[in-house]
Protein backbone atom coordinates (compact mmCIF):
# COMPACT_ATOMS: atom_id res chain seq x y z
CA UNK A 1 0.00 0.00 0.00
CA UNK A 2 1.37 3.40 -0.99
CA UNK A 3 1.54 6.42 1.25
CA UNK A 4 -1.54 8.05 -0.29
CA UNK A 5 -3.62 4.88 -0.01
CA UNK A 6 -2.54 4.82 3.64
CA UNK A 7 -3.94 8.32 4.08
CA UNK A 8 -7.28 7.17 2.69
CA UNK A 9 -7.37 4.12 4.99
CA UNK A 10 -6.41 6.18 8.06
CA UNK A 11 -9.05 8.79 7.15
CA UNK A 12 -11.67 6.05 6.83
CA UNK A 13 -10.72 4.62 10.21
CA UNK A 14 -10.85 8.00 11.95
CA UNK A 15 -13.95 9.43 10.30
CA UNK A 16 -16.36 6.53 10.79
CA UNK A 17 -17.40 7.55 14.35
CA UNK A 18 -17.90 11.15 13.15
CA UNK A 19 -20.16 9.96 10.34
CA UNK A 20 -22.13 7.74 12.69
CA UNK A 21 -22.68 10.67 15.08
CA UNK A 22 -23.81 12.85 12.15
CA UNK A 23 -26.28 10.22 10.90
CA UNK A 24 -24.62 9.87 7.49
CA UNK A 25 -22.68 7.14 5.73
CA UNK A 26 -19.38 7.10 3.91
CA UNK A 27 -19.70 6.98 0.14
CA UNK A 28 -16.02 7.41 -0.78
CA UNK A 29 -12.71 9.05 0.11
CA UNK A 30 -10.18 10.47 -2.37
CA UNK A 31 -6.73 11.88 -1.81
CA UNK A 32 -5.58 13.35 -5.11
CA UNK A 33 -3.55 16.12 -6.64
CA UNK A 34 -5.19 18.71 -8.85
CA UNK A 35 -2.77 21.23 -10.30
CA UNK A 36 -0.44 22.29 -7.51
CA UNK A 37 -2.84 21.33 -4.69
CA UNK A 38 -3.60 18.09 -2.86
CA UNK A 39 -7.22 17.41 -1.87
CA UNK A 40 -8.60 15.11 0.78
CA UNK A 41 -12.23 14.62 -0.18
CA UNK A 42 -14.79 12.73 1.85
CA UNK A 43 -18.08 11.99 0.12
CA UNK A 44 -21.05 11.32 2.39
CA UNK A 45 -24.59 10.20 1.76
CA UNK A 46 -27.80 9.23 3.56
CA UNK A 47 -31.31 8.17 2.66
CA UNK A 48 -32.90 11.17 0.93
CA UNK A 49 -29.50 12.78 0.30
CA UNK A 50 -27.22 15.01 2.33
CA UNK A 51 -27.42 18.78 2.65
CA UNK A 52 -24.94 21.55 3.39
CA UNK A 53 -25.58 21.25 7.14
CA UNK A 54 -24.58 17.56 7.07
CA UNK A 55 -21.38 18.39 5.20
CA UNK A 56 -20.56 21.27 7.55
CA UNK A 57 -21.17 19.16 10.66
CA UNK A 58 -18.84 16.39 9.44
CA UNK A 59 -16.23 18.89 8.24
CA UNK A 60 -16.07 20.77 11.55
CA UNK A 61 -15.90 17.60 13.65
CA UNK A 62 -13.29 15.90 11.47
CA UNK A 63 -11.09 19.00 11.15
CA UNK A 64 -10.44 18.73 14.89
CA UNK A 65 -9.32 15.12 14.41
CA UNK A 66 -7.18 15.98 11.39
CA UNK A 67 -5.40 18.70 13.39
CA UNK A 68 -4.83 16.37 16.33
CA UNK A 69 -3.71 13.28 14.37
CA UNK A 70 -1.64 15.18 11.75
CA UNK A 71 -0.96 12.02 9.69
CA UNK A 72 -0.81 13.61 6.21
CA UNK A 73 2.61 14.92 5.21
CA UNK A 74 1.51 17.00 2.23
CA UNK A 75 -0.25 20.33 2.53
CA UNK A 76 -3.83 19.66 1.44
CA UNK A 77 -7.35 21.05 1.21
CA UNK A 78 -10.04 19.11 3.08
CA UNK A 79 -13.54 18.92 1.61
CA UNK A 80 -16.74 17.10 2.56
CA UNK A 81 -19.49 16.79 -0.02
CA UNK A 82 -22.27 14.72 -1.49
CA UNK A 83 -21.26 12.29 -4.24
CA UNK A 84 -23.65 14.24 -6.50
CA UNK A 85 -26.34 13.22 -8.93
CA UNK A 86 -23.90 11.81 -11.49
CA UNK A 87 -22.02 9.89 -8.83
CA UNK A 88 -19.29 7.53 -9.88
CA UNK A 89 -19.82 3.86 -9.07
CA UNK A 90 -16.64 2.40 -7.59
CA UNK A 91 -17.53 -0.09 -4.90
CA UNK A 92 -19.85 -3.09 -4.91
CA UNK A 93 -22.24 -1.30 -2.56
CA UNK A 94 -22.51 1.54 -5.13
CA UNK A 95 -23.37 -0.97 -7.86
CA UNK A 96 -25.80 -2.83 -5.61
CA UNK A 97 -27.75 0.33 -4.80
CA UNK A 98 -27.82 1.35 -8.47
CA UNK A 99 -29.28 -1.82 -10.03
CA UNK A 100 -32.10 -0.69 -12.34
CA UNK A 101 -30.69 2.85 -12.64
CA UNK A 102 -29.53 4.53 -15.85
CA UNK A 103 -25.71 4.63 -16.09
CA UNK A 104 -23.05 6.03 -18.41
CA UNK A 105 -20.12 3.72 -19.11
CA UNK A 106 -16.83 4.95 -20.60
CA UNK A 107 -14.28 2.36 -21.68
CA UNK A 108 -10.52 2.50 -22.12
CA UNK A 109 -10.79 0.65 -25.46
CA UNK A 110 -13.71 0.69 -27.90
CA UNK A 111 -16.13 -2.16 -28.47
CA UNK A 112 -17.39 -2.09 -32.07
CA UNK A 113 -15.81 1.38 -32.47
CA UNK A 114 -17.68 2.76 -29.43
CA UNK A 115 -16.16 3.77 -26.08
CA UNK A 116 -19.28 5.25 -24.44
CA UNK A 117 -22.52 3.49 -23.60
CA UNK A 118 -25.68 4.54 -21.74
CA UNK A 119 -28.15 2.02 -20.42
CA UNK A 120 -29.72 0.40 -17.38
CA UNK A 121 -27.46 -1.30 -14.85
CA UNK A 122 -28.66 -4.90 -14.79
CA UNK A 123 -26.04 -6.86 -12.85
CA UNK A 124 -22.46 -6.95 -11.63
CA UNK A 125 -19.97 -9.32 -10.07
CA UNK A 126 -16.33 -9.18 -9.14
CA UNK A 127 -15.16 -9.11 -12.78
CA UNK A 128 -18.05 -7.82 -14.90
CA UNK A 129 -20.82 -5.25 -15.16
CA UNK A 130 -23.92 -5.90 -17.28
CA UNK A 131 -25.81 -2.94 -18.76
CA UNK A 132 -28.94 -3.15 -20.90
CA UNK A 133 -28.49 -0.83 -23.89
CA UNK A 134 -31.34 -0.59 -26.41
CA UNK A 135 -32.92 -3.85 -25.13
CA UNK A 136 -29.59 -5.70 -25.49
CA UNK A 137 -27.48 -6.82 -22.51
CA UNK A 138 -23.83 -5.88 -22.82
CA UNK A 139 -21.33 -7.38 -20.39
CA UNK A 140 -18.30 -5.20 -19.70
CA UNK A 141 -15.15 -6.43 -18.00
CA UNK A 142 -14.62 -4.20 -14.96
CA UNK A 143 -10.93 -3.64 -15.71
CA UNK A 144 -11.90 -2.26 -19.15
CA UNK A 145 -14.18 0.41 -17.64
CA UNK A 146 -12.53 3.81 -17.30
CA UNK A 147 -15.52 5.26 -15.45
CA UNK A 148 -19.10 4.32 -14.73
CA UNK A 149 -21.52 6.80 -13.22
CA UNK A 150 -25.22 7.44 -12.81
CA UNK A 151 -26.70 9.24 -15.79
CA UNK A 152 -28.06 12.71 -15.29
CA UNK A 153 -31.28 13.34 -17.20
CA UNK A 154 -32.39 16.93 -17.66
């Protein structure tokens, strides 16, 4: 495990009691560099969705822990937010909750000259994701998927 993955694991370990107290659940944690800045992002969710007050409550409580524990070497910006409407599906629990939902799939390599598909998430397992596109089931190998997220219809 690399240093940055260690930051994510330590953050997960430390933030779980804060999330429980706030009545929200962990959706995901990212520690990534954008431009010159590092970001520690915690995405939270709950039934019916989170609001700004939920994010603020978690942020204030966890900032105290971050200051005390001081386990991240890099200078970083800490953010707490909702995963959003077009949330990325990364973990099995994300896929499980999204069965029957419309998703956008982007692949690293094209299938029949196409790298982007939109359809209904039908099934998944450890190695594959099945999406129904135009009444046809397409099985994608998970390692071939660059990104899969919920579709946003306007």
